Amino acid sequence: MQEQKLAAQEVLDELFTEGSLPFKLIAHEVESIGAAEYVVRFHDSRFHSVDVSCRRGHKFKECFRVAILERLDKMSGTLSGETT
């Protein structure tokens, strides 16, 4: 899981640098919960964890980036009063 943890942190750093992630996050743990299914855990009150599903042939890093961006999109909709 160390490889996935490093990849997750790299994505988080990239998103923060790009301005897509409004706050700095640290990936503290990546847990495998099934075949190509992961939970990435953070120690942050705004963002506790994110579930990542990787289809065959997709890299974890790509799947994690999509999962984070989707979660951020849901959070921004909730914060602005929109419903999803």
Protein backbone atom coordinates (compact mmCIF):
# COMPACT_ATOMS: atom_id res chain seq x y z
CA MET A 1 0.00 0.00 0.00
CA GLN A 2 3.03 2.29 0.27
CA GLU A 3 3.08 2.75 -3.51
CA GLN A 4 -0.58 3.86 -3.51
CA LYS A 5 0.03 6.17 -0.55
CA LEU A 6 2.88 7.90 -2.39
CA ALA A 7 0.79 8.18 -5.57
CA ALA A 8 -2.15 9.60 -3.59
CA GLN A 9 0.07 12.23 -1.95
CA GLU A 10 1.54 13.18 -5.30
CA VAL A 11 -1.96 13.77 -6.69
CA LEU A 12 -2.97 15.80 -3.62
CA ASP A 13 0.13 17.98 -3.96
CA GLU A 14 -0.51 18.49 -7.68
CA LEU A 15 -4.15 19.45 -7.10
CA PHE A 16 -3.19 21.89 -4.35
CA THR A 17 -0.52 23.48 -6.55
CA GLU A 18 -3.01 23.77 -9.45
CA GLY A 19 -5.56 25.40 -7.16
CA SER A 20 -8.06 22.56 -7.60
CA LEU A 21 -7.73 21.56 -3.95
CA PRO A 22 -8.49 24.54 -1.70
CA PHE A 23 -6.60 23.18 1.30
CA LYS A 24 -3.52 21.01 1.85
CA LEU A 25 -4.27 17.33 2.53
CA ILE A 26 -1.98 14.51 3.60
CA ALA A 27 -2.76 10.89 2.72
CA HIS A 28 -2.15 9.08 6.00
CA GLU A 29 -3.30 5.62 5.05
CA VAL A 30 -4.42 3.64 2.02
CA GLU A 31 -6.45 0.56 2.81
CA SER A 32 -7.43 -2.14 0.34
CA ILE A 33 -11.09 -3.09 0.76
CA GLY A 34 -11.46 -5.40 -2.21
CA ALA A 35 -10.24 -6.11 -5.71
CA ALA A 36 -9.10 -2.70 -7.00
CA GLU A 37 -11.09 -0.93 -4.25
CA TYR A 38 -9.34 1.36 -1.78
CA VAL A 39 -10.05 3.82 1.00
CA VAL A 40 -7.60 6.69 1.35
CA ARG A 41 -7.75 8.17 4.84
CA PHE A 42 -6.84 11.71 5.89
CA HIS A 43 -6.56 13.38 9.29
CA ASP A 44 -8.64 16.42 8.38
CA SER A 45 -12.00 17.55 9.73
CA ARG A 46 -13.25 18.59 6.26
CA PHE A 47 -12.16 15.45 4.48
CA HIS A 48 -11.97 12.19 6.43
CA SER A 49 -11.52 9.70 3.60
CA VAL A 50 -12.31 8.96 -0.01
CA ASP A 51 -13.22 5.67 -1.70
CA VAL A 52 -11.33 4.80 -4.86
CA SER A 53 -12.42 2.22 -7.43
CA CYS A 54 -9.99 1.31 -10.18
CA ARG A 55 -11.19 -0.50 -13.25
CA ARG A 56 -8.93 -2.99 -14.92
CA GLY A 57 -6.27 -1.24 -16.98
CA HIS A 58 -6.48 2.05 -15.06
CA LYS A 59 -3.71 3.29 -12.78
CA PHE A 60 -4.42 4.01 -9.12
CA LYS A 61 -3.12 7.56 -9.46
CA GLU A 62 -5.63 8.37 -12.24
CA CYS A 63 -8.50 6.77 -10.34
CA PHE A 64 -7.60 8.62 -7.15
CA ARG A 65 -7.47 11.97 -8.97
CA VAL A 66 -10.97 11.41 -10.37
CA ALA A 67 -12.30 10.33 -6.95
CA ILE A 68 -10.87 13.41 -5.21
CA LEU A 69 -12.20 15.81 -7.85
CA GLU A 70 -15.67 14.22 -7.71
CA ARG A 71 -15.69 14.48 -3.92
CA LEU A 72 -14.59 18.11 -4.04
CA ASP A 73 -17.36 18.84 -6.53
CA LYS A 74 -19.95 17.34 -4.16
CA MET A 75 -18.51 19.30 -1.25
CA SER A 76 -18.65 22.61 -3.11
CA GLY A 77 -22.25 21.97 -4.12
CA THR A 78 -23.19 21.22 -0.52
CA LEU A 79 -21.35 24.29 0.75
CA SER A 80 -23.03 26.57 -1.77
CA GLY A 81 -26.52 25.25 -0.94
CA GLU A 82 -26.91 23.16 -4.11
CA THR A 83 -28.18 19.61 -3.87
CA THR A 84 -26.75 16.70 -5.81
